[in-house]
Amino acid sequence: MADRTLRGSRMVSFSMETSQNVVPSERQIVVYVCPQEHRIELPFSIEAEIPATWECRCGEEALLLDGALPDRKPVKPARTHWDMLLERRSIPELEELLEERLELLRAARGEKPSKRSA
């Protein structure tokens, strides 16, 4: 009975399988170069699809050495708050709303009404 127990083994942390009769997949070394001339060499499986770009350790985008340039998607310009506001209101409407709010603020302060609104 003592020969069947696994004393001192950590079955939770480590696999009891061996790497015997396991054939690793064939590898190829792929080289990327970033704009700051950092060279990155990565092993990929021969069966893997090689990405055209890789993020360099400096944060720049490294391109595949001797590879074709990646297809760039057209970038939409960022919509600002002002752009979205102009989709809902015209300039004369905005000026009218501004004048109404300024009158309310002036009234709350006890100021006289502006000459424009009279």
C-alpha atoms as a PDB file:
ATOM      1  CA  MET A   1       0.000   0.000   0.000  1.00  0.00           C
ATOM      2  CA  ALA A   2       2.856   2.384   0.721  1.00  0.00           C
ATOM      3  CA  ASP A   3       4.224   1.934  -2.788  1.00  0.00           C
ATOM      4  CA  ARG A   4       0.977   3.248  -4.318  1.00  0.00           C
ATOM      5  CA  THR A   5       0.858   6.609  -2.567  1.00  0.00           C
ATOM      6  CA  LEU A   6       2.351   9.744  -4.059  1.00  0.00           C
ATOM      7  CA  ARG A   7       4.021  11.341  -1.097  1.00  0.00           C
ATOM      8  CA  GLY A   8       5.432  14.803  -1.574  1.00  0.00           C
ATOM      9  CA  SER A   9       3.954  15.375  -5.020  1.00  0.00           C
ATOM     10  CA  ARG A  10       1.995  18.477  -5.868  1.00  0.00           C
ATOM     11  CA  MET A  11      -0.670  17.149  -8.169  1.00  0.00           C
ATOM     12  CA  VAL A  12      -2.478  20.478  -8.290  1.00  0.00           C
ATOM     13  CA  SER A  13       0.498  22.552  -9.437  1.00  0.00           C
ATOM     14  CA  PHE A  14       2.256  20.263 -11.868  1.00  0.00           C
ATOM     15  CA  SER A  15       1.157  17.947 -14.602  1.00  0.00           C
ATOM     16  CA  MET A  16       2.215  14.355 -14.225  1.00  0.00           C
ATOM     17  CA  GLU A  17       2.475  13.988 -18.027  1.00  0.00           C
ATOM     18  CA  THR A  18       5.868  13.773 -19.647  1.00  0.00           C
ATOM     19  CA  SER A  19       7.047  15.334 -22.872  1.00  0.00           C
ATOM     20  CA  GLN A  20       8.044  11.910 -24.085  1.00  0.00           C
ATOM     21  CA  ASN A  21       6.830  11.158 -27.658  1.00  0.00           C
ATOM     22  CA  VAL A  22       5.673  14.757 -28.163  1.00  0.00           C
ATOM     23  CA  VAL A  23       6.808  16.347 -31.400  1.00  0.00           C
ATOM     24  CA  PRO A  24       6.857  20.158 -31.296  1.00  0.00           C
ATOM     25  CA  SER A  25       5.575  21.951 -34.368  1.00  0.00           C
ATOM     26  CA  GLU A  26       8.124  23.343 -36.787  1.00  0.00           C
ATOM     27  CA  ARG A  27       9.056  26.956 -36.123  1.00  0.00           C
ATOM     28  CA  GLN A  28      10.133  29.905 -38.195  1.00  0.00           C
ATOM     29  CA  ILE A  29      11.768  33.078 -36.941  1.00  0.00           C
ATOM     30  CA  VAL A  30       9.962  36.235 -38.051  1.00  0.00           C
ATOM     31  CA  VAL A  31      11.676  39.633 -37.822  1.00  0.00           C
ATOM     32  CA  TYR A  32       9.929  42.953 -37.215  1.00  0.00           C
ATOM     33  CA  VAL A  33      11.550  46.417 -37.240  1.00  0.00           C
ATOM     34  CA  CYS A  34      10.013  49.519 -35.649  1.00  0.00           C
ATOM     35  CA  PRO A  35      10.568  53.156 -36.751  1.00  0.00           C
ATOM     36  CA  GLN A  36      13.215  53.528 -34.023  1.00  0.00           C
ATOM     37  CA  GLU A  37      15.184  50.637 -35.575  1.00  0.00           C
ATOM     38  CA  HIS A  38      14.420  48.158 -32.775  1.00  0.00           C
ATOM     39  CA  ARG A  39      14.643  44.625 -34.155  1.00  0.00           C
ATOM     40  CA  ILE A  40      12.189  42.033 -32.829  1.00  0.00           C
ATOM     41  CA  GLU A  41      12.678  38.333 -33.585  1.00  0.00           C
ATOM     42  CA  LEU A  42       9.738  36.078 -32.756  1.00  0.00           C
ATOM     43  CA  PRO A  43       9.238  32.354 -33.277  1.00  0.00           C
ATOM     44  CA  PHE A  44       6.002  31.370 -35.024  1.00  0.00           C
ATOM     45  CA  SER A  45       4.700  27.999 -36.033  1.00  0.00           C
ATOM     46  CA  ILE A  46       5.007  27.305 -39.742  1.00  0.00           C
ATOM     47  CA  GLU A  47       1.245  26.789 -39.813  1.00  0.00           C
ATOM     48  CA  ALA A  48       0.513  30.142 -38.115  1.00  0.00           C
ATOM     49  CA  GLU A  49      -0.717  33.204 -39.965  1.00  0.00           C
ATOM     50  CA  ILE A  50       2.006  35.844 -39.584  1.00  0.00           C
ATOM     51  CA  PRO A  51       0.712  39.317 -38.605  1.00  0.00           C
ATOM     52  CA  ALA A  52       1.968  42.249 -40.705  1.00  0.00           C
ATOM     53  CA  THR A  53       2.612  44.391 -37.616  1.00  0.00           C
ATOM     54  CA  TRP A  54       3.739  43.835 -34.025  1.00  0.00           C
ATOM     55  CA  GLU A  55       3.829  46.226 -31.082  1.00  0.00           C
ATOM     56  CA  CYS A  56       7.420  47.083 -30.181  1.00  0.00           C
ATOM     57  CA  ARG A  57       8.623  47.426 -26.594  1.00  0.00           C
ATOM     58  CA  CYS A  58       8.924  51.199 -27.180  1.00  0.00           C
ATOM     59  CA  GLY A  59       5.216  51.385 -28.009  1.00  0.00           C
ATOM     60  CA  GLU A  60       5.674  51.978 -31.746  1.00  0.00           C
ATOM     61  CA  GLU A  61       4.221  49.711 -34.413  1.00  0.00           C
ATOM     62  CA  ALA A  62       6.885  47.435 -35.875  1.00  0.00           C
ATOM     63  CA  LEU A  63       6.520  46.242 -39.468  1.00  0.00           C
ATOM     64  CA  LEU A  64       7.385  42.839 -40.840  1.00  0.00           C
ATOM     65  CA  LEU A  65      10.887  42.889 -42.323  1.00  0.00           C
ATOM     66  CA  ASP A  66      10.775  42.414 -46.116  1.00  0.00           C
ATOM     67  CA  GLY A  67       7.002  42.138 -45.918  1.00  0.00           C
ATOM     68  CA  ALA A  68       4.230  43.992 -47.672  1.00  0.00           C
ATOM     69  CA  LEU A  69       2.800  47.055 -45.989  1.00  0.00           C
ATOM     70  CA  PRO A  70      -0.427  46.285 -44.137  1.00  0.00           C
ATOM     71  CA  ASP A  71      -3.745  47.494 -45.531  1.00  0.00           C
ATOM     72  CA  ARG A  72      -4.833  50.566 -43.597  1.00  0.00           C
ATOM     73  CA  LYS A  73      -8.500  51.077 -42.873  1.00  0.00           C
ATOM     74  CA  PRO A  74      -9.720  54.615 -43.466  1.00  0.00           C
ATOM     75  CA  VAL A  75      -9.887  56.465 -40.179  1.00  0.00           C
ATOM     76  CA  LYS A  76     -13.059  58.399 -39.502  1.00  0.00           C
ATOM     77  CA  PRO A  77     -12.488  61.857 -38.029  1.00  0.00           C
ATOM     78  CA  ALA A  78     -13.426  62.099 -34.371  1.00  0.00           C
ATOM     79  CA  ARG A  79     -16.840  63.603 -33.745  1.00  0.00           C
ATOM     80  CA  THR A  80     -16.653  66.320 -31.141  1.00  0.00           C
ATOM     81  CA  HIS A  81     -19.382  67.474 -28.800  1.00  0.00           C
ATOM     82  CA  TRP A  82     -19.778  70.574 -30.964  1.00  0.00           C
ATOM     83  CA  ASP A  83     -20.288  68.436 -34.116  1.00  0.00           C
ATOM     84  CA  MET A  84     -23.005  66.406 -32.422  1.00  0.00           C
ATOM     85  CA  LEU A  85     -24.661  69.565 -31.109  1.00  0.00           C
ATOM     86  CA  LEU A  86     -24.744  71.064 -34.609  1.00  0.00           C
ATOM     87  CA  GLU A  87     -26.500  67.926 -35.844  1.00  0.00           C
ATOM     88  CA  ARG A  88     -29.399  68.692 -33.495  1.00  0.00           C
ATOM     89  CA  ARG A  89     -29.523  72.523 -33.491  1.00  0.00           C
ATOM     90  CA  SER A  90     -28.803  75.390 -35.858  1.00  0.00           C
ATOM     91  CA  ILE A  91     -26.617  78.396 -34.940  1.00  0.00           C
ATOM     92  CA  PRO A  92     -29.626  80.783 -34.575  1.00  0.00           C
ATOM     93  CA  GLU A  93     -31.328  78.250 -32.237  1.00  0.00           C
ATOM     94  CA  LEU A  94     -28.170  77.980 -30.146  1.00  0.00           C
ATOM     95  CA  GLU A  95     -27.853  81.774 -29.906  1.00  0.00           C
ATOM     96  CA  GLU A  96     -31.474  82.025 -28.757  1.00  0.00           C
ATOM     97  CA  LEU A  97     -30.949  79.326 -26.099  1.00  0.00           C
ATOM     98  CA  LEU A  98     -27.779  81.039 -24.907  1.00  0.00           C
ATOM     99  CA  GLU A  99     -29.572  84.369 -24.540  1.00  0.00           C
ATOM    100  CA  GLU A 100     -32.398  82.716 -22.548  1.00  0.00           C
ATOM    101  CA  ARG A 101     -29.926  81.065 -20.169  1.00  0.00           C
ATOM    102  CA  LEU A 102     -27.973  84.312 -19.726  1.00  0.00           C
ATOM    103  CA  GLU A 103     -31.200  86.160 -18.872  1.00  0.00           C
ATOM    104  CA  LEU A 104     -32.039  83.538 -16.244  1.00  0.00           C
ATOM    105  CA  LEU A 105     -28.570  83.819 -14.716  1.00  0.00           C
ATOM    106  CA  ARG A 106     -28.716  87.628 -14.693  1.00  0.00           C
ATOM    107  CA  ALA A 107     -32.149  87.543 -13.078  1.00  0.00           C
ATOM    108  CA  ALA A 108     -30.861  85.193 -10.378  1.00  0.00           C
ATOM    109  CA  ARG A 109     -28.012  87.641  -9.669  1.00  0.00           C
ATOM    110  CA  GLY A 110     -30.347  90.609  -9.625  1.00  0.00           C
ATOM    111  CA  GLU A 111     -28.767  92.272 -12.647  1.00  0.00           C
ATOM    112  CA  LYS A 112     -30.648  94.370 -15.176  1.00  0.00           C
ATOM    113  CA  PRO A 113     -31.750  92.656 -18.424  1.00  0.00           C
ATOM    114  CA  SER A 114     -29.327  93.029 -21.308  1.00  0.00           C
ATOM    115  CA  LYS A 115     -30.003  95.551 -24.113  1.00  0.00           C
ATOM    116  CA  ARG A 116     -30.190  92.772 -26.729  1.00  0.00           C
ATOM    117  CA  SER A 117     -33.266  91.102 -25.249  1.00  0.00           C
ATOM    118  CA  ALA A 118     -35.220  94.360 -24.842  1.00  0.00           C
END
